Every structure is written in C-alpha cells, then in structure tokens.
PDB file of N, CA and C in Angstrom:
ATOM      1  N   UNK A   1      54.540  56.094  39.620  1.00  0.00           N
ATOM      2  CA  UNK A   1      54.960  57.185  38.768  1.00  0.00           C
ATOM      3  C   UNK A   1      53.840  57.500  37.758  1.00  0.00           C
ATOM      4  N   UNK A   2      53.614  58.713  37.476  1.00  0.00           N
ATOM      5  CA  UNK A   2      52.539  59.188  36.467  1.00  0.00           C
ATOM      6  C   UNK A   2      52.926  58.767  35.055  1.00  0.00           C
ATOM      7  N   UNK A   3      51.921  58.135  34.399  1.00  0.00           N
ATOM      8  CA  UNK A   3      52.125  57.800  33.019  1.00  0.00           C
ATOM      9  C   UNK A   3      51.934  59.050  32.144  1.00  0.00           C
ATOM     10  N   UNK A   4      52.590  59.078  31.018  1.00  0.00           N
ATOM     11  CA  UNK A   4      52.584  60.254  30.151  1.00  0.00           C
ATOM     12  C   UNK A   4      51.183  60.552  29.583  1.00  0.00           C
ATOM     13  N   UNK A   5      50.459  59.508  29.157  1.00  0.00           N
ATOM     14  CA  UNK A   5      49.150  59.650  28.537  1.00  0.00           C
ATOM     15  C   UNK A   5      48.083  58.828  29.362  1.00  0.00           C
ATOM     16  N   UNK A   6      46.886  59.454  29.629  1.00  0.00           N
ATOM     17  CA  UNK A   6      45.837  58.767  30.234  1.00  0.00           C
ATOM     18  C   UNK A   6      44.573  59.043  29.437  1.00  0.00           C
ATOM     19  N   UNK A   7      43.858  58.046  29.108  1.00  0.00           N
ATOM     20  CA  UNK A   7      42.651  58.182  28.302  1.00  0.00           C
ATOM     21  C   UNK A   7      41.521  57.570  29.095  1.00  0.00           C
ATOM     22  N   UNK A   8      40.518  58.458  29.524  1.00  0.00           N
ATOM     23  CA  UNK A   8      39.393  57.990  30.144  1.00  0.00           C
ATOM     24  C   UNK A   8      38.319  57.632  29.148  1.00  0.00           C
ATOM     25  N   UNK A   9      37.722  56.516  29.231  1.00  0.00           N
ATOM     26  CA  UNK A   9      36.728  56.029  28.290  1.00  0.00           C
ATOM     27  C   UNK A   9      35.703  55.072  28.858  1.00  0.00           C
ATOM     28  N   UNK A  10      34.595  54.923  28.071  1.00  0.00           N
ATOM     29  CA  UNK A  10      33.615  53.936  28.405  1.00  0.00           C
ATOM     30  C   UNK A  10      33.607  52.957  27.205  1.00  0.00           C
ATOM     31  N   UNK A  11      33.934  51.677  27.553  1.00  0.00           N
ATOM     32  CA  UNK A  11      34.100  50.713  26.478  1.00  0.00           C
ATOM     33  C   UNK A  11      32.834  50.432  25.696  1.00  0.00           C
ATOM     34  N   UNK A  12      31.773  50.167  26.390  1.00  0.00           N
ATOM     35  CA  UNK A  12      30.529  49.840  25.713  1.00  0.00           C
ATOM     36  C   UNK A  12      29.471  50.731  26.254  1.00  0.00           C
ATOM     37  N   UNK A  13      29.336  51.995  25.784  1.00  0.00           N
ATOM     38  CA  UNK A  13      28.362  52.887  26.459  1.00  0.00           C
ATOM     39  C   UNK A  13      26.894  52.492  26.287  1.00  0.00           C
ATOM     40  N   UNK A  14      26.616  51.642  25.338  1.00  0.00           N
ATOM     41  CA  UNK A  14      25.170  51.168  25.167  1.00  0.00           C
ATOM     42  C   UNK A  14      24.861  50.154  26.239  1.00  0.00           C
ATOM     43  N   UNK A  15      25.835  49.584  26.977  1.00  0.00           N
ATOM     44  CA  UNK A  15      25.498  48.602  27.970  1.00  0.00           C
ATOM     45  C   UNK A  15      25.910  49.048  29.394  1.00  0.00           C
ATOM     46  N   UNK A  16      26.850  49.985  29.480  1.00  0.00           N
ATOM     47  CA  UNK A  16      27.357  50.309  30.781  1.00  0.00           C
ATOM     48  C   UNK A  16      27.840  51.774  30.795  1.00  0.00           C
ATOM     49  N   UNK A  17      27.986  52.480  31.933  1.00  0.00           N
ATOM     50  CA  UNK A  17      28.581  53.726  32.012  1.00  0.00           C
ATOM     51  C   UNK A  17      29.796  53.673  32.911  1.00  0.00           C
ATOM     52  N   UNK A  18      30.405  52.541  33.008  1.00  0.00           N
ATOM     53  CA  UNK A  18      31.670  52.351  33.824  1.00  0.00           C
ATOM     54  C   UNK A  18      32.800  52.971  33.156  1.00  0.00           C
ATOM     55  N   UNK A  19      33.405  53.911  33.873  1.00  0.00           N
ATOM     56  CA  UNK A  19      34.534  54.697  33.341  1.00  0.00           C
ATOM     57  C   UNK A  19      35.846  53.960  33.552  1.00  0.00           C
ATOM     58  N   UNK A  20      36.617  53.762  32.515  1.00  0.00           N
ATOM     59  CA  UNK A  20      37.903  53.109  32.594  1.00  0.00           C
ATOM     60  C   UNK A  20      38.972  54.032  32.112  1.00  0.00           C
ATOM     61  N   UNK A  21      40.242  53.674  32.485  1.00  0.00           N
ATOM     62  CA  UNK A  21      41.372  54.551  32.091  1.00  0.00           C
ATOM     63  C   UNK A  21      42.460  53.682  31.497  1.00  0.00           C
ATOM     64  N   UNK A  22      42.965  54.109  30.293  1.00  0.00           N
ATOM     65  CA  UNK A  22      44.059  53.476  29.712  1.00  0.00           C
ATOM     66  C   UNK A  22      45.391  54.308  29.928  1.00  0.00           C
ATOM     67  N   UNK A  23      46.351  53.707  30.395  1.00  0.00           N
ATOM     68  CA  UNK A  23      47.598  54.434  30.758  1.00  0.00           C
ATOM     69  C   UNK A  23      48.734  53.971  29.872  1.00  0.00           C
ATOM     70  N   UNK A  24      49.520  54.926  29.305  1.00  0.00           N
ATOM     71  CA  UNK A  24      50.669  54.566  28.524  1.00  0.00           C
ATOM     72  C   UNK A  24      51.643  55.704  28.508  1.00  0.00           C
ATOM     73  N   UNK A  25      52.915  55.414  28.279  1.00  0.00           N
ATOM     74  CA  UNK A  25      53.983  56.371  28.078  1.00  0.00           C
ATOM     75  C   UNK A  25      54.242  56.574  26.642  1.00  0.00           C
ATOM     76  N   UNK A  26      53.688  55.767  25.696  1.00  0.00           N
ATOM     77  CA  UNK A  26      54.004  55.796  24.304  1.00  0.00           C
ATOM     78  C   UNK A  26      52.877  56.508  23.538  1.00  0.00           C
ATOM     79  N   UNK A  27      53.206  57.595  22.802  1.00  0.00           N
ATOM     80  CA  UNK A  27      52.234  58.339  22.096  1.00  0.00           C
ATOM     81  C   UNK A  27      51.597  57.548  20.903  1.00  0.00           C
ATOM     82  N   UNK A  28      52.451  56.697  20.322  1.00  0.00           N
ATOM     83  CA  UNK A  28      51.829  55.840  19.259  1.00  0.00           C
ATOM     84  C   UNK A  28      50.831  54.888  19.845  1.00  0.00           C
ATOM     85  N   UNK A  29      51.139  54.333  20.990  1.00  0.00           N
ATOM     86  CA  UNK A  29      50.145  53.363  21.564  1.00  0.00           C
ATOM     87  C   UNK A  29      48.855  54.170  21.900  1.00  0.00           C
ATOM     88  N   UNK A  30      48.999  55.363  22.400  1.00  0.00           N
ATOM     89  CA  UNK A  30      47.847  56.166  22.786  1.00  0.00           C
ATOM     90  C   UNK A  30      47.030  56.447  21.586  1.00  0.00           C
ATOM     91  N   UNK A  31      47.612  56.760  20.422  1.00  0.00           N
ATOM     92  CA  UNK A  31      46.886  56.944  19.148  1.00  0.00           C
ATOM     93  C   UNK A  31      46.202  55.706  18.650  1.00  0.00           C
ATOM     94  N   UNK A  32      46.957  54.534  18.774  1.00  0.00           N
ATOM     95  CA  UNK A  32      46.321  53.227  18.427  1.00  0.00           C
ATOM     96  C   UNK A  32      45.110  52.847  19.321  1.00  0.00           C
ATOM     97  N   UNK A  33      45.295  53.144  20.576  1.00  0.00           N
ATOM     98  CA  UNK A  33      44.132  52.929  21.469  1.00  0.00           C
ATOM     99  C   UNK A  33      42.937  53.771  21.095  1.00  0.00           C
ATOM    100  N   UNK A  34      43.146  54.997  20.812  1.00  0.00           N
ATOM    101  CA  UNK A  34      42.050  55.904  20.325  1.00  0.00           C
ATOM    102  C   UNK A  34      41.447  55.293  18.972  1.00  0.00           C
ATOM    103  N   UNK A  35      42.269  54.758  18.158  1.00  0.00           N
ATOM    104  CA  UNK A  35      41.748  54.171  16.899  1.00  0.00           C
ATOM    105  C   UNK A  35      40.837  52.978  17.308  1.00  0.00           C
ATOM    106  N   UNK A  36      41.203  52.119  18.242  1.00  0.00           N
ATOM    107  CA  UNK A  36      40.395  50.988  18.592  1.00  0.00           C
ATOM    108  C   UNK A  36      39.118  51.442  19.192  1.00  0.00           C
ATOM    109  N   UNK A  37      39.114  52.477  20.081  1.00  0.00           N
ATOM    110  CA  UNK A  37      37.909  53.077  20.698  1.00  0.00           C
ATOM    111  C   UNK A  37      36.928  53.534  19.558  1.00  0.00           C
ATOM    112  N   UNK A  38      37.499  54.296  18.624  1.00  0.00           N
ATOM    113  CA  UNK A  38      36.704  54.785  17.492  1.00  0.00           C
ATOM    114  C   UNK A  38      36.008  53.650  16.746  1.00  0.00           C
ATOM    115  N   UNK A  39      36.802  52.615  16.403  1.00  0.00           N
ATOM    116  CA  UNK A  39      36.278  51.469  15.640  1.00  0.00           C
ATOM    117  C   UNK A  39      35.282  50.701  16.419  1.00  0.00           C
ATOM    118  N   UNK A  40      35.436  50.539  17.730  1.00  0.00           N
ATOM    119  CA  UNK A  40      34.464  49.795  18.560  1.00  0.00           C
ATOM    120  C   UNK A  40      33.321  50.539  19.101  1.00  0.00           C
ATOM    121  N   UNK A  41      33.288  51.889  18.813  1.00  0.00           N
ATOM    122  CA  UNK A  41      32.169  52.645  19.278  1.00  0.00           C
ATOM    123  C   UNK A  41      32.280  53.047  20.723  1.00  0.00           C
ATOM    124  N   UNK A  42      33.525  53.025  21.249  1.00  0.00           N
ATOM    125  CA  UNK A  42      33.659  53.450  22.624  1.00  0.00           C
ATOM    126  C   UNK A  42      33.505  54.950  22.774  1.00  0.00           C
ATOM    127  N   UNK A  43      33.274  55.368  24.071  1.00  0.00           N
ATOM    128  CA  UNK A  43      33.074  56.717  24.355  1.00  0.00           C
ATOM    129  C   UNK A  43      34.289  57.393  25.020  1.00  0.00           C
ATOM    130  N   UNK A  44      34.890  58.254  24.334  1.00  0.00           N
ATOM    131  CA  UNK A  44      36.137  58.891  24.789  1.00  0.00           C
ATOM    132  C   UNK A  44      35.721  60.052  25.704  1.00  0.00           C
ATOM    133  N   UNK A  45      36.111  60.016  26.946  1.00  0.00           N
ATOM    134  CA  UNK A  45      35.659  61.063  27.971  1.00  0.00           C
ATOM    135  C   UNK A  45      36.733  62.095  28.089  1.00  0.00           C
ATOM    136  N   UNK A  46      38.017  61.730  28.197  1.00  0.00           N
ATOM    137  CA  UNK A  46      39.030  62.781  28.508  1.00  0.00           C
ATOM    138  C   UNK A  46      40.388  62.161  28.108  1.00  0.00           C
ATOM    139  N   UNK A  47      41.321  63.002  27.599  1.00  0.00           N
ATOM    140  CA  UNK A  47      42.666  62.616  27.338  1.00  0.00           C
ATOM    141  C   UNK A  47      43.541  63.537  28.120  1.00  0.00           C
ATOM    142  N   UNK A  48      44.420  62.926  28.928  1.00  0.00           N
ATOM    143  CA  UNK A  48      45.386  63.735  29.741  1.00  0.00           C
ATOM    144  C   UNK A  48      46.828  63.441  29.287  1.00  0.00           C
ATOM    145  N   UNK A  49      47.651  64.455  29.339  1.00  0.00           N
ATOM    146  CA  UNK A  49      49.052  64.358  29.121  1.00  0.00           C
ATOM    147  C   UNK A  49      49.810  64.787  30.350  1.00  0.00           C
ATOM    148  N   UNK A  50      50.591  63.879  30.948  1.00  0.00           N
ATOM    149  CA  UNK A  50      51.317  64.181  32.170  1.00  0.00           C
ATOM    150  C   UNK A  50      50.389  64.733  33.201  1.00  0.00           C
ATOM    151  N   UNK A  51      49.216  64.188  33.374  1.00  0.00           N
ATOM    152  CA  UNK A  51      48.280  64.503  34.391  1.00  0.00           C
ATOM    153  C   UNK A  51      47.349  65.663  34.166  1.00  0.00           C
ATOM    154  N   UNK A  52      47.657  66.431  33.062  1.00  0.00           N
ATOM    155  CA  UNK A  52      46.747  67.627  32.717  1.00  0.00           C
ATOM    156  C   UNK A  52      45.883  67.262  31.519  1.00  0.00           C
ATOM    157  N   UNK A  53      44.619  67.580  31.733  1.00  0.00           N
ATOM    158  CA  UNK A  53      43.647  67.426  30.635  1.00  0.00           C
ATOM    159  C   UNK A  53      44.083  68.195  29.417  1.00  0.00           C
ATOM    160  N   UNK A  54      44.023  67.638  28.249  1.00  0.00           N
ATOM    161  CA  UNK A  54      44.313  68.291  27.023  1.00  0.00           C
ATOM    162  C   UNK A  54      43.249  69.326  26.735  1.00  0.00           C
ATOM    163  N   UNK A  55      43.609  70.434  26.153  1.00  0.00           N
ATOM    164  CA  UNK A  55      42.558  71.423  25.770  1.00  0.00           C
ATOM    165  C   UNK A  55      41.805  70.823  24.611  1.00  0.00           C
ATOM    166  N   UNK A  56      40.572  71.469  24.356  1.00  0.00           N
ATOM    167  CA  UNK A  56      39.713  70.981  23.249  1.00  0.00           C
ATOM    168  C   UNK A  56      40.488  70.757  21.936  1.00  0.00           C
ATOM    169  N   UNK A  57      41.249  71.757  21.476  1.00  0.00           N
ATOM    170  CA  UNK A  57      41.912  71.598  20.189  1.00  0.00           C
ATOM    171  C   UNK A  57      42.996  70.528  20.234  1.00  0.00           C
ATOM    172  N   UNK A  58      43.719  70.372  21.393  1.00  0.00           N
ATOM    173  CA  UNK A  58      44.749  69.354  21.503  1.00  0.00           C
ATOM    174  C   UNK A  58      44.174  67.990  21.478  1.00  0.00           C
ATOM    175  N   UNK A  59      43.087  67.759  22.206  1.00  0.00           N
ATOM    176  CA  UNK A  59      42.328  66.482  22.296  1.00  0.00           C
ATOM    177  C   UNK A  59      41.766  66.240  20.861  1.00  0.00           C
ATOM    178  N   UNK A  60      41.139  67.207  20.309  1.00  0.00           N
ATOM    179  CA  UNK A  60      40.539  67.031  18.932  1.00  0.00           C
ATOM    180  C   UNK A  60      41.675  66.587  17.933  1.00  0.00           C
ATOM    181  N   UNK A  61      42.863  67.182  18.056  1.00  0.00           N
ATOM    182  CA  UNK A  61      43.919  66.804  17.060  1.00  0.00           C
ATOM    183  C   UNK A  61      44.305  65.366  17.288  1.00  0.00           C
ATOM    184  N   UNK A  62      44.425  64.908  18.476  1.00  0.00           N
ATOM    185  CA  UNK A  62      44.716  63.450  18.606  1.00  0.00           C
ATOM    186  C   UNK A  62      43.605  62.508  18.139  1.00  0.00           C
ATOM    187  N   UNK A  63      42.296  62.914  18.348  1.00  0.00           N
ATOM    188  CA  UNK A  63      41.260  62.102  17.915  1.00  0.00           C
ATOM    189  C   UNK A  63      41.093  62.192  16.346  1.00  0.00           C
ATOM    190  N   UNK A  64      41.416  63.335  15.839  1.00  0.00           N
ATOM    191  CA  UNK A  64      41.368  63.502  14.325  1.00  0.00           C
ATOM    192  C   UNK A  64      42.428  62.612  13.755  1.00  0.00           C
ATOM    193  N   UNK A  65      43.689  62.581  14.235  1.00  0.00           N
ATOM    194  CA  UNK A  65      44.671  61.749  13.744  1.00  0.00           C
ATOM    195  C   UNK A  65      44.286  60.308  13.825  1.00  0.00           C
ATOM    196  N   UNK A  66      43.663  59.884  14.908  1.00  0.00           N
ATOM    197  CA  UNK A  66      43.230  58.501  14.988  1.00  0.00           C
ATOM    198  C   UNK A  66      42.167  58.198  14.073  1.00  0.00           C
ATOM    199  N   UNK A  67      41.222  59.097  13.852  1.00  0.00           N
ATOM    200  CA  UNK A  67      40.106  58.928  12.886  1.00  0.00           C
ATOM    201  C   UNK A  67      40.645  58.818  11.467  1.00  0.00           C
ATOM    202  N   UNK A  68      41.659  59.611  11.153  1.00  0.00           N
ATOM    203  CA  UNK A  68      42.224  59.566   9.802  1.00  0.00           C
ATOM    204  C   UNK A  68      42.907  58.174   9.564  1.00  0.00           C
ATOM    205  N   UNK A  69      43.545  57.609  10.660  1.00  0.00           N
ATOM    206  CA  UNK A  69      44.186  56.359  10.449  1.00  0.00           C
ATOM    207  C   UNK A  69      43.148  55.233  10.328  1.00  0.00           C
ATOM    208  N   UNK A  70      42.079  55.397  11.049  1.00  0.00           N
ATOM    209  CA  UNK A  70      40.949  54.413  10.837  1.00  0.00           C
ATOM    210  C   UNK A  70      40.426  54.502   9.436  1.00  0.00           C
ATOM    211  N   UNK A  71      40.171  55.701   8.930  1.00  0.00           N
ATOM    212  CA  UNK A  71      39.632  55.841   7.600  1.00  0.00           C
ATOM    213  C   UNK A  71      40.677  55.288   6.569  1.00  0.00           C
ATOM    214  N   UNK A  72      41.969  55.572   6.762  1.00  0.00           N
ATOM    215  CA  UNK A  72      42.927  55.097   5.880  1.00  0.00           C
ATOM    216  C   UNK A  72      42.999  53.501   5.905  1.00  0.00           C
ATOM    217  N   UNK A  73      42.898  52.898   7.073  1.00  0.00           N
ATOM    218  CA  UNK A  73      42.885  51.476   7.171  1.00  0.00           C
ATOM    219  C   UNK A  73      41.665  50.863   6.455  1.00  0.00           C
ATOM    220  N   UNK A  74      40.484  51.509   6.650  1.00  0.00           N
ATOM    221  CA  UNK A  74      39.301  51.020   5.963  1.00  0.00           C
ATOM    222  C   UNK A  74      39.414  51.122   4.439  1.00  0.00           C
ATOM    223  N   UNK A  75      39.962  52.196   3.924  1.00  0.00           N
ATOM    224  CA  UNK A  75      40.128  52.345   2.506  1.00  0.00           C
ATOM    225  C   UNK A  75      41.158  51.354   2.002  1.00  0.00           C
ATOM    226  N   UNK A  76      42.217  51.175   2.698  1.00  0.00           N
ATOM    227  CA  UNK A  76      43.272  50.078   2.328  1.00  0.00           C
ATOM    228  C   UNK A  76      42.635  48.776   2.161  1.00  0.00           C
ATOM    229  N   UNK A  77      41.835  48.386   3.142  1.00  0.00           N
ATOM    230  CA  UNK A  77      41.181  47.080   3.117  1.00  0.00           C
ATOM    231  C   UNK A  77      40.099  46.990   2.096  1.00  0.00           C
ATOM    232  N   UNK A  78      39.208  48.014   2.050  1.00  0.00           N
ATOM    233  CA  UNK A  78      37.994  47.997   1.202  1.00  0.00           C
ATOM    234  C   UNK A  78      38.357  48.047  -0.332  1.00  0.00           C
ATOM    235  N   UNK A  79      39.329  48.978  -0.633  1.00  0.00           N
ATOM    236  CA  UNK A  79      39.580  49.303  -1.974  1.00  0.00           C
ATOM    237  C   UNK A  79      40.938  48.748  -2.469  1.00  0.00           C
ATOM    238  N   UNK A  80      41.680  48.155  -1.613  1.00  0.00           N
ATOM    239  CA  UNK A  80      42.961  47.570  -1.971  1.00  0.00           C
ATOM    240  C   UNK A  80      43.950  48.597  -2.428  1.00  0.00           C
ATOM    241  N   UNK A  81      43.899  49.788  -1.784  1.00  0.00           N
ATOM    242  CA  UNK A  81      44.812  50.929  -2.128  1.00  0.00           C
ATOM    243  C   UNK A  81      46.090  50.847  -1.306  1.00  0.00           C
ATOM    244  N   UNK A  82      47.142  51.428  -1.809  1.00  0.00           N
ATOM    245  CA  UNK A  82      48.336  51.513  -1.019  1.00  0.00           C
ATOM    246  C   UNK A  82      48.449  52.965  -0.390  1.00  0.00           C
ATOM    247  N   UNK A  83      49.405  53.149   0.394  1.00  0.00           N
ATOM    248  CA  UNK A  83      49.456  54.447   1.140  1.00  0.00           C
ATOM    249  C   UNK A  83      49.461  55.652   0.238  1.00  0.00           C
ATOM    250  N   UNK A  84      50.207  55.572  -0.827  1.00  0.00           N
ATOM    251  CA  UNK A  84      50.377  56.707  -1.758  1.00  0.00           C
ATOM    252  C   UNK A  84      49.087  56.993  -2.398  1.00  0.00           C
ATOM    253  N   UNK A  85      48.328  55.980  -2.832  1.00  0.00           N
ATOM    254  CA  UNK A  85      47.014  56.189  -3.434  1.00  0.00           C
ATOM    255  C   UNK A  85      46.038  56.831  -2.453  1.00  0.00           C
ATOM    256  N   UNK A  86      46.074  56.360  -1.303  1.00  0.00           N
ATOM    257  CA  UNK A  86      45.187  56.865  -0.204  1.00  0.00           C
ATOM    258  C   UNK A  86      45.457  58.389  -0.024  1.00  0.00           C
ATOM    259  N   UNK A  87      46.717  58.738   0.088  1.00  0.00           N
ATOM    260  CA  UNK A  87      47.137  60.060   0.341  1.00  0.00           C
ATOM    261  C   UNK A  87      46.715  60.948  -0.934  1.00  0.00           C
ATOM    262  N   UNK A  88      46.984  60.485  -2.086  1.00  0.00           N
ATOM    263  CA  UNK A  88      46.618  61.266  -3.300  1.00  0.00           C
ATOM    264  C   UNK A  88      45.102  61.420  -3.536  1.00  0.00           C
ATOM    265  N   UNK A  89      44.390  60.365  -3.286  1.00  0.00           N
ATOM    266  CA  UNK A  89      42.969  60.404  -3.625  1.00  0.00           C
ATOM    267  C   UNK A  89      42.110  60.980  -2.437  1.00  0.00           C
ATOM    268  N   UNK A  90      42.537  60.725  -1.236  1.00  0.00           N
ATOM    269  CA  UNK A  90      41.700  61.048  -0.125  1.00  0.00           C
ATOM    270  C   UNK A  90      42.289  62.058   0.840  1.00  0.00           C
ATOM    271  N   UNK A  91      43.635  62.252   0.768  1.00  0.00           N
ATOM    272  CA  UNK A  91      44.292  63.156   1.645  1.00  0.00           C
ATOM    273  C   UNK A  91      44.677  62.657   3.020  1.00  0.00           C
ATOM    274  N   UNK A  92      44.467  61.355   3.211  1.00  0.00           N
ATOM    275  CA  UNK A  92      44.762  60.686   4.524  1.00  0.00           C
ATOM    276  C   UNK A  92      46.147  60.145   4.490  1.00  0.00           C
ATOM    277  N   UNK A  93      46.953  60.337   5.518  1.00  0.00           N
ATOM    278  CA  UNK A  93      48.249  59.741   5.613  1.00  0.00           C
ATOM    279  C   UNK A  93      47.984  58.273   6.057  1.00  0.00           C
ATOM    280  N   UNK A  94      48.715  57.382   5.415  1.00  0.00           N
ATOM    281  CA  UNK A  94      48.514  55.935   5.738  1.00  0.00           C
ATOM    282  C   UNK A  94      49.643  55.352   6.568  1.00  0.00           C
TER     283      UNK A  94
END
C-alpha cells in the first residue's frame, strides 16, 4: 500500500549521492523528519503526497514550517525562551 508521504533525500551529500526515501502516513512525522534533515545538513530532493510530487509552493511550505520549528527549537535552547516569547519576539510558532 502506498504511504501518504514520501521524502526523497541524500543523508550526507558531502560523502555520498545515494538517494534514500523516508515513508510515513503521519504528517507530523514527515515534518519532524524534514526538521532532522535540515539540522543534519541533508539534501531534500523531493516530497510526495499520495504518490504525487508536491508543487514548488506546497513543498516550500512544508520545508518552511520545518525550518521555523528548527529555529524555534534553537531559540528555546539558546536563549531559554518559552513558546510565547518566541512567538512574540521572533514570530515563530513553537
């Protein structure tokens, strides 16, 4: 059975060009996986939903949300801020 989300990526692009695919039915897990790829410097090649490649704006929206979550996490850790302060000062949802 086809998984709802498929993310094609290269885990360590500086060492290999091996294309891998992460499969999940959970949109939250897909976003968390994108967060981990961003933090680790992975290369995101394509995001598919129910077998169809997301359009540029749709893909960008998912990546932007993941990037905002990464930024929020970094601010929370580095500055000791809570979710409300992060939202008020930087505009990121925590």
